[in-house]
């Protein structure tokens, strides 16, 4: 494979929707990457996107993956197409970053991972929140025992979906539902900051009139004994915060999806808080910039996966969500 250790990574975006726009903006500001092409099923949509972001090439998916001037493809299509789009790119020898959720189910994830490994190609789920500086610092604080043994975590993430996201979230034919679209964020967040996967999983959901999960609650128990409660919804106002309780105190992350600050409260084993402080970590306005840096650094180093978002963990989280959906009886029409 060509040496890419000192070259600016050349990117193509597959899909021309809302999330693709955010990535395009981040790539345009990057000094490590350049955006050379966008691909869409619609020539008109591809050209409109290319014009808006001053991208040199507006292509079909087939042209995009065949272009020798592209090193990395970011898959930004709807969930139901992630597998086939990523597979197409990998089979043409491209490194791939897939917007979350990685795929619809664990079987699809496993198949993509096998292809990438067999070809020596980089592959990663675009769980951009893991790469935010504040999340990195928070994880370090917890592992260093800042609040002692973490025993309990409460996390909520929800809100009324805007019209532009509604079809993607509510349509079972697009693998809609809150778990794959939103719930995957707090699940991945908690496995990352605690450093492992849950051993026991309980969950329940409330279905929408279209048959997808509109409100979901998950309860996890980890090997350490830590208990985690997560609530998520796409049509219910919720506080989008996380509370992490340890033996020496607790940490509040007011907006865990923006995560540029968190509040630390320490006690001496009583109900009296002895010390409180806010940790503020300067963060790029477009949080996608950090995952771009990770992808480029890994490719330059010859890595085929990221140690921050390893493929085994992506697969395990997909499997966990499969098991929860299985117990709810939620299976998509195309599965």
C-alpha atoms as a PDB file:
ATOM      1  CA  UNK A   1       0.000   0.000   0.000  1.00  0.00           C
ATOM      2  CA  UNK A   2       1.188   3.525  -0.807  1.00  0.00           C
ATOM      3  CA  UNK A   3       3.036   5.353   1.976  1.00  0.00           C
ATOM      4  CA  UNK A   4       0.693   8.007   3.370  1.00  0.00           C
ATOM      5  CA  UNK A   5       2.761   8.985   6.407  1.00  0.00           C
ATOM      6  CA  UNK A   6       3.475  12.544   5.280  1.00  0.00           C
ATOM      7  CA  UNK A   7       0.620  13.229   2.918  1.00  0.00           C
ATOM      8  CA  UNK A   8      -2.533  15.214   3.584  1.00  0.00           C
ATOM      9  CA  UNK A   9      -5.378  12.689   3.566  1.00  0.00           C
ATOM     10  CA  UNK A  10      -7.774  13.099   0.653  1.00  0.00           C
ATOM     11  CA  UNK A  11     -11.407  12.551   1.576  1.00  0.00           C
ATOM     12  CA  UNK A  12     -14.641  11.834  -0.195  1.00  0.00           C
ATOM     13  CA  UNK A  13     -18.087  12.037   1.386  1.00  0.00           C
ATOM     14  CA  UNK A  14     -20.750   9.493   0.497  1.00  0.00           C
ATOM     15  CA  UNK A  15     -24.125  11.124   0.992  1.00  0.00           C
ATOM     16  CA  UNK A  16     -25.132  14.768   0.755  1.00  0.00           C
ATOM     17  CA  UNK A  17     -27.418  15.309   3.737  1.00  0.00           C
ATOM     18  CA  UNK A  18     -27.275  17.209   7.012  1.00  0.00           C
ATOM     19  CA  UNK A  19     -24.554  15.192   8.730  1.00  0.00           C
ATOM     20  CA  UNK A  20     -22.456  15.246   5.546  1.00  0.00           C
ATOM     21  CA  UNK A  21     -22.591  19.045   5.659  1.00  0.00           C
ATOM     22  CA  UNK A  22     -21.152  19.124   9.172  1.00  0.00           C
ATOM     23  CA  UNK A  23     -18.302  16.860   8.087  1.00  0.00           C
ATOM     24  CA  UNK A  24     -17.652  18.972   5.000  1.00  0.00           C
ATOM     25  CA  UNK A  25     -17.333  22.074   7.180  1.00  0.00           C
ATOM     26  CA  UNK A  26     -14.890  20.303   9.507  1.00  0.00           C
ATOM     27  CA  UNK A  27     -12.793  18.957   6.627  1.00  0.00           C
ATOM     28  CA  UNK A  28     -12.548  22.402   5.061  1.00  0.00           C
ATOM     29  CA  UNK A  29     -10.963  23.743   8.252  1.00  0.00           C
ATOM     30  CA  UNK A  30      -8.550  20.830   8.651  1.00  0.00           C
ATOM     31  CA  UNK A  31      -4.834  21.194   7.962  1.00  0.00           C
ATOM     32  CA  UNK A  32      -4.455  17.396   7.882  1.00  0.00           C
ATOM     33  CA  UNK A  33      -7.150  16.535   5.361  1.00  0.00           C
ATOM     34  CA  UNK A  34      -8.695  17.860   2.188  1.00  0.00           C
ATOM     35  CA  UNK A  35     -12.148  17.194   0.779  1.00  0.00           C
ATOM     36  CA  UNK A  36     -11.914  16.373  -2.926  1.00  0.00           C
ATOM     37  CA  UNK A  37     -15.260  14.777  -3.782  1.00  0.00           C
ATOM     38  CA  UNK A  38     -18.852  14.141  -2.763  1.00  0.00           C
ATOM     39  CA  UNK A  39     -20.985  11.245  -3.960  1.00  0.00           C
ATOM     40  CA  UNK A  40     -24.757  10.945  -4.119  1.00  0.00           C
ATOM     41  CA  UNK A  41     -27.376   8.791  -5.812  1.00  0.00           C
ATOM     42  CA  UNK A  42     -28.715  12.035  -7.256  1.00  0.00           C
ATOM     43  CA  UNK A  43     -26.368  13.883  -9.669  1.00  0.00           C
ATOM     44  CA  UNK A  44     -28.236  17.109  -8.954  1.00  0.00           C
ATOM     45  CA  UNK A  45     -27.882  16.728  -5.212  1.00  0.00           C
ATOM     46  CA  UNK A  46     -24.184  15.896  -5.508  1.00  0.00           C
ATOM     47  CA  UNK A  47     -23.570  18.966  -7.664  1.00  0.00           C
ATOM     48  CA  UNK A  48     -25.544  21.235  -5.348  1.00  0.00           C
ATOM     49  CA  UNK A  49     -23.520  19.987  -2.361  1.00  0.00           C
ATOM     50  CA  UNK A  50     -20.251  20.396  -4.280  1.00  0.00           C
ATOM     51  CA  UNK A  51     -21.152  23.945  -5.263  1.00  0.00           C
ATOM     52  CA  UNK A  52     -22.100  24.860  -1.691  1.00  0.00           C
ATOM     53  CA  UNK A  53     -18.784  23.638  -0.266  1.00  0.00           C
ATOM     54  CA  UNK A  54     -16.602  24.352  -3.317  1.00  0.00           C
ATOM     55  CA  UNK A  55     -15.729  20.673  -3.776  1.00  0.00           C
ATOM     56  CA  UNK A  56     -13.956  19.795  -7.013  1.00  0.00           C
ATOM     57  CA  UNK A  57     -15.896  16.626  -7.848  1.00  0.00           C
ATOM     58  CA  UNK A  58     -19.585  15.695  -7.705  1.00  0.00           C
ATOM     59  CA  UNK A  59     -19.833  11.953  -8.361  1.00  0.00           C
ATOM     60  CA  UNK A  60     -21.997   8.876  -8.160  1.00  0.00           C
ATOM     61  CA  UNK A  61     -21.220   6.337  -5.430  1.00  0.00           C
ATOM     62  CA  UNK A  62     -19.505   4.078  -7.966  1.00  0.00           C
ATOM     63  CA  UNK A  63     -17.358   6.919  -9.285  1.00  0.00           C
ATOM     64  CA  UNK A  64     -16.504   8.008  -5.755  1.00  0.00           C
ATOM     65  CA  UNK A  65     -15.125   4.652  -4.631  1.00  0.00           C
ATOM     66  CA  UNK A  66     -13.226   4.201  -7.906  1.00  0.00           C
ATOM     67  CA  UNK A  67     -11.482   7.585  -7.751  1.00  0.00           C
ATOM     68  CA  UNK A  68      -7.714   7.148  -7.278  1.00  0.00           C
ATOM     69  CA  UNK A  69      -7.422  10.613  -5.742  1.00  0.00           C
ATOM     70  CA  UNK A  70      -9.443   9.597  -2.667  1.00  0.00           C
ATOM     71  CA  UNK A  71      -7.876   7.909   0.380  1.00  0.00           C
ATOM     72  CA  UNK A  72     -10.762   7.979   2.876  1.00  0.00           C
ATOM     73  CA  UNK A  73     -14.511   7.796   2.431  1.00  0.00           C
ATOM     74  CA  UNK A  74     -16.905   9.068   5.065  1.00  0.00           C
ATOM     75  CA  UNK A  75     -20.240   7.239   4.854  1.00  0.00           C
ATOM     76  CA  UNK A  76     -22.989   9.708   5.743  1.00  0.00           C
ATOM     77  CA  UNK A  77     -26.051   7.958   4.349  1.00  0.00           C
ATOM     78  CA  UNK A  78     -29.076   6.757   6.337  1.00  0.00           C
ATOM     79  CA  UNK A  79     -28.578   3.807   8.706  1.00  0.00           C
ATOM     80  CA  UNK A  80     -30.105   1.210   6.404  1.00  0.00           C
ATOM     81  CA  UNK A  81     -27.468   1.917   3.731  1.00  0.00           C
ATOM     82  CA  UNK A  82     -24.358   2.012   5.929  1.00  0.00           C
ATOM     83  CA  UNK A  83     -23.442  -1.616   5.331  1.00  0.00           C
ATOM     84  CA  UNK A  84     -23.719  -1.686   1.556  1.00  0.00           C
ATOM     85  CA  UNK A  85     -22.090   1.735   1.137  1.00  0.00           C
ATOM     86  CA  UNK A  86     -19.145   0.943   3.407  1.00  0.00           C
ATOM     87  CA  UNK A  87     -18.730  -2.484   1.829  1.00  0.00           C
ATOM     88  CA  UNK A  88     -18.557  -0.899  -1.628  1.00  0.00           C
ATOM     89  CA  UNK A  89     -15.845   1.508  -0.461  1.00  0.00           C
ATOM     90  CA  UNK A  90     -13.781  -1.133   1.335  1.00  0.00           C
ATOM     91  CA  UNK A  91     -13.906  -3.497  -1.622  1.00  0.00           C
ATOM     92  CA  UNK A  92     -12.460  -0.715  -3.771  1.00  0.00           C
ATOM     93  CA  UNK A  93      -9.562  -0.269  -1.346  1.00  0.00           C
ATOM     94  CA  UNK A  94     -10.665   2.852   0.514  1.00  0.00           C
ATOM     95  CA  UNK A  95     -10.243   3.583   4.209  1.00  0.00           C
ATOM     96  CA  UNK A  96     -13.687   4.173   5.712  1.00  0.00           C
ATOM     97  CA  UNK A  97     -15.244   6.224   8.486  1.00  0.00           C
ATOM     98  CA  UNK A  98     -18.912   5.324   9.035  1.00  0.00           C
ATOM     99  CA  UNK A  99     -21.361   7.667  10.696  1.00  0.00           C
ATOM    100  CA  UNK A 100     -23.007   6.130  13.759  1.00  0.00           C
ATOM    101  CA  UNK A 101     -24.584   3.699  14.114  1.00  0.00           C
ATOM    102  CA  UNK A 102     -21.819   1.698  12.434  1.00  0.00           C
ATOM    103  CA  UNK A 103     -24.390  -0.642  10.872  1.00  0.00           C
ATOM    104  CA  UNK A 104     -27.933  -1.796  11.653  1.00  0.00           C
ATOM    105  CA  UNK A 105     -26.858  -4.995  13.410  1.00  0.00           C
ATOM    106  CA  UNK A 106     -23.839  -6.952  14.617  1.00  0.00           C
ATOM    107  CA  UNK A 107     -23.804  -9.361  11.648  1.00  0.00           C
ATOM    108  CA  UNK A 108     -23.301  -6.443   9.257  1.00  0.00           C
ATOM    109  CA  UNK A 109     -20.632  -4.971  11.532  1.00  0.00           C
ATOM    110  CA  UNK A 110     -18.738  -8.246  11.665  1.00  0.00           C
ATOM    111  CA  UNK A 111     -18.776  -8.568   7.879  1.00  0.00           C
ATOM    112  CA  UNK A 112     -17.331  -5.075   7.382  1.00  0.00           C
ATOM    113  CA  UNK A 113     -14.653  -5.633  10.004  1.00  0.00           C
ATOM    114  CA  UNK A 114     -13.573  -8.850   8.279  1.00  0.00           C
ATOM    115  CA  UNK A 115     -13.292  -7.111   4.904  1.00  0.00           C
ATOM    116  CA  UNK A 116     -11.269  -4.214   6.336  1.00  0.00           C
ATOM    117  CA  UNK A 117      -8.880  -6.508   8.179  1.00  0.00           C
ATOM    118  CA  UNK A 118      -8.397  -8.774   5.159  1.00  0.00           C
ATOM    119  CA  UNK A 119      -7.454  -5.756   3.036  1.00  0.00           C
ATOM    120  CA  UNK A 120      -5.430  -3.916   5.683  1.00  0.00           C
ATOM    121  CA  UNK A 121      -7.742  -0.901   5.537  1.00  0.00           C
ATOM    122  CA  UNK A 122      -8.649   1.537   8.285  1.00  0.00           C
ATOM    123  CA  UNK A 123     -12.243   1.338   9.494  1.00  0.00           C
ATOM    124  CA  UNK A 124     -13.973   3.236  12.311  1.00  0.00           C
ATOM    125  CA  UNK A 125     -17.376   4.231  13.620  1.00  0.00           C
ATOM    126  CA  UNK A 126     -17.737   8.018  13.706  1.00  0.00           C
ATOM    127  CA  UNK A 127     -18.421   8.281  17.430  1.00  0.00           C
ATOM    128  CA  UNK A 128     -17.136  11.850  17.458  1.00  0.00           C
ATOM    129  CA  UNK A 129     -17.950  12.532  21.110  1.00  0.00           C
ATOM    130  CA  UNK A 130     -15.203  10.126  22.261  1.00  0.00           C
ATOM    131  CA  UNK A 131     -12.553  12.372  20.771  1.00  0.00           C
ATOM    132  CA  UNK A 132     -13.652  15.616  22.421  1.00  0.00           C
ATOM    133  CA  UNK A 133     -10.875  16.958  24.696  1.00  0.00           C
ATOM    134  CA  UNK A 134     -13.222  17.214  27.697  1.00  0.00           C
ATOM    135  CA  UNK A 135     -14.315  13.583  27.338  1.00  0.00           C
ATOM    136  CA  UNK A 136     -10.688  12.510  27.099  1.00  0.00           C
ATOM    137  CA  UNK A 137      -9.868  14.485  30.248  1.00  0.00           C
ATOM    138  CA  UNK A 138     -12.935  13.189  32.092  1.00  0.00           C
ATOM    139  CA  UNK A 139     -11.996   9.590  31.345  1.00  0.00           C
ATOM    140  CA  UNK A 140      -8.481  10.235  32.616  1.00  0.00           C
ATOM    141  CA  UNK A 141      -9.864  11.813  35.810  1.00  0.00           C
ATOM    142  CA  UNK A 142     -12.072   8.787  36.478  1.00  0.00           C
ATOM    143  CA  UNK A 143      -9.329   6.256  35.804  1.00  0.00           C
ATOM    144  CA  UNK A 144      -7.035   8.234  38.124  1.00  0.00           C
ATOM    145  CA  UNK A 145      -9.630   7.897  40.908  1.00  0.00           C
ATOM    146  CA  UNK A 146     -10.593  11.571  41.203  1.00  0.00           C
ATOM    147  CA  UNK A 147     -13.990  10.680  42.716  1.00  0.00           C
ATOM    148  CA  UNK A 148     -12.989   7.232  43.906  1.00  0.00           C
ATOM    149  CA  UNK A 149     -14.679   4.047  42.744  1.00  0.00           C
ATOM    150  CA  UNK A 150     -17.514   4.866  40.336  1.00  0.00           C
ATOM    151  CA  UNK A 151     -20.616   3.145  41.671  1.00  0.00           C
ATOM    152  CA  UNK A 152     -23.562   4.714  39.860  1.00  0.00           C
ATOM    153  CA  UNK A 153     -24.232   6.753  36.708  1.00  0.00           C
ATOM    154  CA  UNK A 154     -27.438   8.427  35.511  1.00  0.00           C
ATOM    155  CA  UNK A 155     -27.545   9.727  31.962  1.00  0.00           C
ATOM    156  CA  UNK A 156     -30.389  11.165  29.886  1.00  0.00           C
ATOM    157  CA  UNK A 157     -30.366  12.206  26.256  1.00  0.00           C
ATOM    158  CA  UNK A 158     -33.520  13.245  24.479  1.00  0.00           C
ATOM    159  CA  UNK A 159     -35.586  15.952  22.856  1.00  0.00           C
ATOM    160  CA  UNK A 160     -38.225  16.645  20.257  1.00  0.00           C
ATOM    161  CA  UNK A 161     -36.806  15.708  16.881  1.00  0.00           C
ATOM    162  CA  UNK A 162     -36.795  18.512  14.320  1.00  0.00           C
ATOM    163  CA  UNK A 163     -38.683  17.987  11.039  1.00  0.00           C
ATOM    164  CA  UNK A 164     -35.453  17.574   9.066  1.00  0.00           C
ATOM    165  CA  UNK A 165     -34.511  14.495  11.144  1.00  0.00           C
ATOM    166  CA  UNK A 166     -38.008  13.096  11.620  1.00  0.00           C
ATOM    167  CA  UNK A 167     -38.171  10.611   8.738  1.00  0.00           C
ATOM    168  CA  UNK A 168     -34.776   9.112   9.551  1.00  0.00           C
ATOM    169  CA  UNK A 169     -35.775   8.575  13.173  1.00  0.00           C
ATOM    170  CA  UNK A 170     -39.330   7.352  12.719  1.00  0.00           C
ATOM    171  CA  UNK A 171     -39.290   5.201   9.571  1.00  0.00           C
ATOM    172  CA  UNK A 172     -38.636   1.472  10.199  1.00  0.00           C
ATOM    173  CA  UNK A 173     -37.518   1.110   6.565  1.00  0.00           C
ATOM    174  CA  UNK A 174     -34.629   3.484   7.360  1.00  0.00           C
ATOM    175  CA  UNK A 175     -33.758   1.587  10.587  1.00  0.00           C
ATOM    176  CA  UNK A 176     -35.432   4.307  12.611  1.00  0.00           C
ATOM    177  CA  UNK A 177     -35.870   4.427  16.349  1.00  0.00           C
ATOM    178  CA  UNK A 178     -34.142   6.176  19.204  1.00  0.00           C
ATOM    179  CA  UNK A 179     -31.681   3.419  20.150  1.00  0.00           C
ATOM    180  CA  UNK A 180     -29.731   3.258  16.894  1.00  0.00           C
ATOM    181  CA  UNK A 181     -29.880   6.993  16.284  1.00  0.00           C
ATOM    182  CA  UNK A 182     -29.528   8.549  19.748  1.00  0.00           C
ATOM    183  CA  UNK A 183     -29.202   5.813  22.363  1.00  0.00           C
ATOM    184  CA  UNK A 184     -25.956   4.625  20.838  1.00  0.00           C
ATOM    185  CA  UNK A 185     -24.314   7.883  22.007  1.00  0.00           C
ATOM    186  CA  UNK A 186     -24.806   7.434  25.775  1.00  0.00           C
ATOM    187  CA  UNK A 187     -24.130   3.700  25.481  1.00  0.00           C
ATOM    188  CA  UNK A 188     -20.791   4.347  23.788  1.00  0.00           C
ATOM    189  CA  UNK A 189     -20.041   7.234  26.147  1.00  0.00           C
ATOM    190  CA  UNK A 190     -20.464   5.128  29.253  1.00  0.00           C
ATOM    191  CA  UNK A 191     -18.476   2.148  27.966  1.00  0.00           C
ATOM    192  CA  UNK A 192     -15.669   4.537  27.067  1.00  0.00           C
ATOM    193  CA  UNK A 193     -15.419   6.476  30.322  1.00  0.00           C
ATOM    194  CA  UNK A 194     -15.724   3.290  32.421  1.00  0.00           C
ATOM    195  CA  UNK A 195     -13.272   1.439  30.202  1.00  0.00           C
ATOM    196  CA  UNK A 196     -15.277  -1.733  29.607  1.00  0.00           C
ATOM    197  CA  UNK A 197     -18.582  -3.234  28.506  1.00  0.00           C
ATOM    198  CA  UNK A 198     -21.541  -4.072  30.771  1.00  0.00           C
ATOM    199  CA  UNK A 199     -21.934  -7.616  32.074  1.00  0.00           C
ATOM    200  CA  UNK A 200     -25.682  -7.422  32.705  1.00  0.00           C
ATOM    201  CA  UNK A 201     -28.241  -5.561  30.598  1.00  0.00           C
ATOM    202  CA  UNK A 202     -31.892  -4.762  31.262  1.00  0.00           C
ATOM    203  CA  UNK A 203     -33.987  -2.558  29.003  1.00  0.00           C
ATOM    204  CA  UNK A 204     -37.477  -1.539  28.014  1.00  0.00           C
ATOM    205  CA  UNK A 205     -39.045   0.649  25.380  1.00  0.00           C
ATOM    206  CA  UNK A 206     -42.180   2.507  24.378  1.00  0.00           C
ATOM    207  CA  UNK A 207     -43.043   2.050  20.707  1.00  0.00           C
ATOM    208  CA  UNK A 208     -44.213   4.752  18.329  1.00  0.00           C
ATOM    209  CA  UNK A 209     -47.296   4.349  16.163  1.00  0.00           C
ATOM    210  CA  UNK A 210     -44.915   3.374  13.336  1.00  0.00           C
ATOM    211  CA  UNK A 211     -43.419   0.531  15.350  1.00  0.00           C
ATOM    212  CA  UNK A 212     -39.998   1.887  16.296  1.00  0.00           C
ATOM    213  CA  UNK A 213     -38.652   2.675  19.760  1.00  0.00           C
ATOM    214  CA  UNK A 214     -39.524   6.278  20.618  1.00  0.00           C
ATOM    215  CA  UNK A 215     -38.540   6.153  24.301  1.00  0.00           C
ATOM    216  CA  UNK A 216     -36.016   3.667  25.689  1.00  0.00           C
ATOM    217  CA  UNK A 217     -34.452   2.976  29.077  1.00  0.00           C
ATOM    218  CA  UNK A 218     -31.362   0.851  29.623  1.00  0.00           C
ATOM    219  CA  UNK A 219     -29.872  -0.375  32.900  1.00  0.00           C
ATOM    220  CA  UNK A 220     -26.357  -1.819  32.882  1.00  0.00           C
ATOM    221  CA  UNK A 221     -24.217  -3.481  35.520  1.00  0.00           C
ATOM    222  CA  UNK A 222     -20.458  -3.529  34.993  1.00  0.00           C
ATOM    223  CA  UNK A 223     -17.835  -5.952  36.303  1.00  0.00           C
ATOM    224  CA  UNK A 224     -16.862  -3.424  38.963  1.00  0.00           C
ATOM    225  CA  UNK A 225     -20.436  -3.444  40.259  1.00  0.00           C
ATOM    226  CA  UNK A 226     -21.164   0.023  38.854  1.00  0.00           C
ATOM    227  CA  UNK A 227     -24.835   0.495  37.951  1.00  0.00           C
ATOM    228  CA  UNK A 228     -25.819   2.710  35.006  1.00  0.00           C
ATOM    229  CA  UNK A 229     -29.239   4.101  34.087  1.00  0.00           C
ATOM    230  CA  UNK A 230     -29.745   5.613  30.632  1.00  0.00           C
ATOM    231  CA  UNK A 231     -32.948   7.191  29.307  1.00  0.00           C
ATOM    232  CA  UNK A 232     -33.359   8.437  25.750  1.00  0.00           C
ATOM    233  CA  UNK A 233     -36.149   9.644  23.478  1.00  0.00           C
ATOM    234  CA  UNK A 234     -36.672  11.454  20.192  1.00  0.00           C
ATOM    235  CA  UNK A 235     -40.028  13.001  21.148  1.00  0.00           C
ATOM    236  CA  UNK A 236     -39.687  13.847  24.832  1.00  0.00           C
ATOM    237  CA  UNK A 237     -37.856  16.799  26.363  1.00  0.00           C
ATOM    238  CA  UNK A 238     -35.049  15.513  28.561  1.00  0.00           C
ATOM    239  CA  UNK A 239     -32.089  16.937  30.429  1.00  0.00           C
ATOM    240  CA  UNK A 240     -29.110  15.971  28.279  1.00  0.00           C
ATOM    241  CA  UNK A 241     -26.745  15.523  31.167  1.00  0.00           C
ATOM    242  CA  UNK A 242     -24.766  12.849  32.969  1.00  0.00           C
ATOM    243  CA  UNK A 243     -24.240  12.362  36.699  1.00  0.00           C
ATOM    244  CA  UNK A 244     -21.359  10.131  37.726  1.00  0.00           C
ATOM    245  CA  UNK A 245     -21.329   9.127  41.393  1.00  0.00           C
ATOM    246  CA  UNK A 246     -18.166   7.866  43.040  1.00  0.00           C
ATOM    247  CA  UNK A 247     -17.080   6.985  46.573  1.00  0.00           C
ATOM    248  CA  UNK A 248     -15.388  10.403  47.042  1.00  0.00           C
ATOM    249  CA  UNK A 249     -17.834  12.650  45.182  1.00  0.00           C
ATOM    250  CA  UNK A 250     -19.676  13.134  41.932  1.00  0.00           C
ATOM    251  CA  UNK A 251     -19.270  14.728  38.513  1.00  0.00           C
ATOM    252  CA  UNK A 252     -21.979  16.521  36.552  1.00  0.00           C
ATOM    253  CA  UNK A 253     -21.631  16.887  32.776  1.00  0.00           C
ATOM    254  CA  UNK A 254     -24.335  19.468  31.957  1.00  0.00           C
ATOM    255  CA  UNK A 255     -24.475  18.814  28.196  1.00  0.00           C
ATOM    256  CA  UNK A 256     -22.623  15.579  27.587  1.00  0.00           C
ATOM    257  CA  UNK A 257     -23.040  15.799  23.797  1.00  0.00           C
ATOM    258  CA  UNK A 258     -21.300  19.174  23.751  1.00  0.00           C
ATOM    259  CA  UNK A 259     -18.951  18.240  26.592  1.00  0.00           C
ATOM    260  CA  UNK A 260     -16.643  21.223  26.893  1.00  0.00           C
ATOM    261  CA  UNK A 261     -17.010  21.393  30.668  1.00  0.00           C
ATOM    262  CA  UNK A 262     -17.963  19.390  33.727  1.00  0.00           C
ATOM    263  CA  UNK A 263     -18.424  20.084  37.429  1.00  0.00           C
ATOM    264  CA  UNK A 264     -16.575  18.132  40.126  1.00  0.00           C
ATOM    265  CA  UNK A 265     -17.973  17.911  43.659  1.00  0.00           C
ATOM    266  CA  UNK A 266     -15.929  16.150  46.367  1.00  0.00           C
ATOM    267  CA  UNK A 267     -16.902  15.097  49.905  1.00  0.00           C
ATOM    268  CA  UNK A 268     -15.242  13.262  52.817  1.00  0.00           C
ATOM    269  CA  UNK A 269     -17.673  10.382  53.046  1.00  0.00           C
ATOM    270  CA  UNK A 270     -20.516  12.469  54.431  1.00  0.00           C
ATOM    271  CA  UNK A 271     -23.336  14.403  52.799  1.00  0.00           C
ATOM    272  CA  UNK A 272     -21.346  17.639  53.025  1.00  0.00           C
ATOM    273  CA  UNK A 273     -19.620  18.774  49.810  1.00  0.00           C
ATOM    274  CA  UNK A 274     -16.179  20.084  50.749  1.00  0.00           C
ATOM    275  CA  UNK A 275     -14.905  21.177  47.350  1.00  0.00           C
ATOM    276  CA  UNK A 276     -16.514  22.071  44.032  1.00  0.00           C
ATOM    277  CA  UNK A 277     -14.830  23.152  40.829  1.00  0.00           C
ATOM    278  CA  UNK A 278     -15.619  23.459  37.148  1.00  0.00           C
ATOM    279  CA  UNK A 279     -13.312  21.933  34.573  1.00  0.00           C
ATOM    280  CA  UNK A 280     -13.519  23.858  31.311  1.00  0.00           C
ATOM    281  CA  UNK A 281     -11.766  22.443  28.261  1.00  0.00           C
ATOM    282  CA  UNK A 282     -11.569  24.643  25.125  1.00  0.00           C
ATOM    283  CA  UNK A 283     -13.244  22.800  22.268  1.00  0.00           C
ATOM    284  CA  UNK A 284     -13.531  23.397  18.534  1.00  0.00           C
ATOM    285  CA  UNK A 285     -16.988  24.622  17.550  1.00  0.00           C
ATOM    286  CA  UNK A 286     -17.262  21.734  15.097  1.00  0.00           C
ATOM    287  CA  UNK A 287     -16.541  18.655  17.192  1.00  0.00           C
ATOM    288  CA  UNK A 288     -16.003  16.502  14.098  1.00  0.00           C
ATOM    289  CA  UNK A 289     -12.513  17.968  13.762  1.00  0.00           C
ATOM    290  CA  UNK A 290     -11.123  15.684  16.469  1.00  0.00           C
ATOM    291  CA  UNK A 291     -12.248  12.459  14.839  1.00  0.00           C
ATOM    292  CA  UNK A 292     -10.785  13.660  11.536  1.00  0.00           C
ATOM    293  CA  UNK A 293      -7.421  14.080  13.281  1.00  0.00           C
ATOM    294  CA  UNK A 294      -7.727  10.578  14.738  1.00  0.00           C
ATOM    295  CA  UNK A 295      -8.481   8.975  11.371  1.00  0.00           C
ATOM    296  CA  UNK A 296      -5.583  10.759   9.683  1.00  0.00           C
ATOM    297  CA  UNK A 297      -3.138   9.939  12.505  1.00  0.00           C
ATOM    298  CA  UNK A 298      -4.098   6.255  12.449  1.00  0.00           C
ATOM    299  CA  UNK A 299      -3.745   5.981   8.683  1.00  0.00           C
ATOM    300  CA  UNK A 300      -0.382   7.729   8.743  1.00  0.00           C
ATOM    301  CA  UNK A 301       0.775   5.300  11.431  1.00  0.00           C
ATOM    302  CA  UNK A 302      -0.392   2.309   9.401  1.00  0.00           C
ATOM    303  CA  UNK A 303      -3.141   1.385  11.872  1.00  0.00           C
ATOM    304  CA  UNK A 304      -6.335  -0.261  10.668  1.00  0.00           C
ATOM    305  CA  UNK A 305      -8.380   0.775  13.706  1.00  0.00           C
ATOM    306  CA  UNK A 306      -8.424   3.425  16.409  1.00  0.00           C
ATOM    307  CA  UNK A 307      -7.482   2.582  20.007  1.00  0.00           C
ATOM    308  CA  UNK A 308     -10.073   5.151  21.098  1.00  0.00           C
ATOM    309  CA  UNK A 309     -12.925   3.592  19.088  1.00  0.00           C
ATOM    310  CA  UNK A 310     -11.742  -0.006  18.511  1.00  0.00           C
ATOM    311  CA  UNK A 311     -13.646  -2.269  16.154  1.00  0.00           C
ATOM    312  CA  UNK A 312     -14.223  -4.939  18.806  1.00  0.00           C
ATOM    313  CA  UNK A 313     -16.041  -2.410  20.961  1.00  0.00           C
ATOM    314  CA  UNK A 314     -18.128  -1.149  18.047  1.00  0.00           C
ATOM    315  CA  UNK A 315     -19.118  -4.761  17.320  1.00  0.00           C
ATOM    316  CA  UNK A 316     -19.937  -5.448  20.980  1.00  0.00           C
ATOM    317  CA  UNK A 317     -22.157  -2.371  21.240  1.00  0.00           C
ATOM    318  CA  UNK A 318     -23.972  -3.358  18.035  1.00  0.00           C
ATOM    319  CA  UNK A 319     -24.509  -6.823  19.534  1.00  0.00           C
ATOM    320  CA  UNK A 320     -25.792  -5.301  22.782  1.00  0.00           C
ATOM    321  CA  UNK A 321     -28.329  -3.217  20.844  1.00  0.00           C
ATOM    322  CA  UNK A 322     -29.325  -6.286  18.798  1.00  0.00           C
ATOM    323  CA  UNK A 323     -30.055  -8.168  22.020  1.00  0.00           C
ATOM    324  CA  UNK A 324     -32.160  -5.345  23.423  1.00  0.00           C
ATOM    325  CA  UNK A 325     -34.126  -4.987  20.184  1.00  0.00           C
ATOM    326  CA  UNK A 326     -34.600  -8.755  20.111  1.00  0.00           C
ATOM    327  CA  UNK A 327     -36.209  -8.711  23.550  1.00  0.00           C
ATOM    328  CA  UNK A 328     -38.494  -5.869  22.487  1.00  0.00           C
ATOM    329  CA  UNK A 329     -39.449  -7.646  19.273  1.00  0.00           C
ATOM    330  CA  UNK A 330     -38.086  -4.831  17.129  1.00  0.00           C
ATOM    331  CA  UNK A 331     -36.839  -6.136  13.804  1.00  0.00           C
ATOM    332  CA  UNK A 332     -36.554  -3.982  10.703  1.00  0.00           C
ATOM    333  CA  UNK A 333     -38.360  -5.013   7.485  1.00  0.00           C
ATOM    334  CA  UNK A 334     -35.080  -5.609   5.598  1.00  0.00           C
ATOM    335  CA  UNK A 335     -33.360  -7.676   8.329  1.00  0.00           C
END
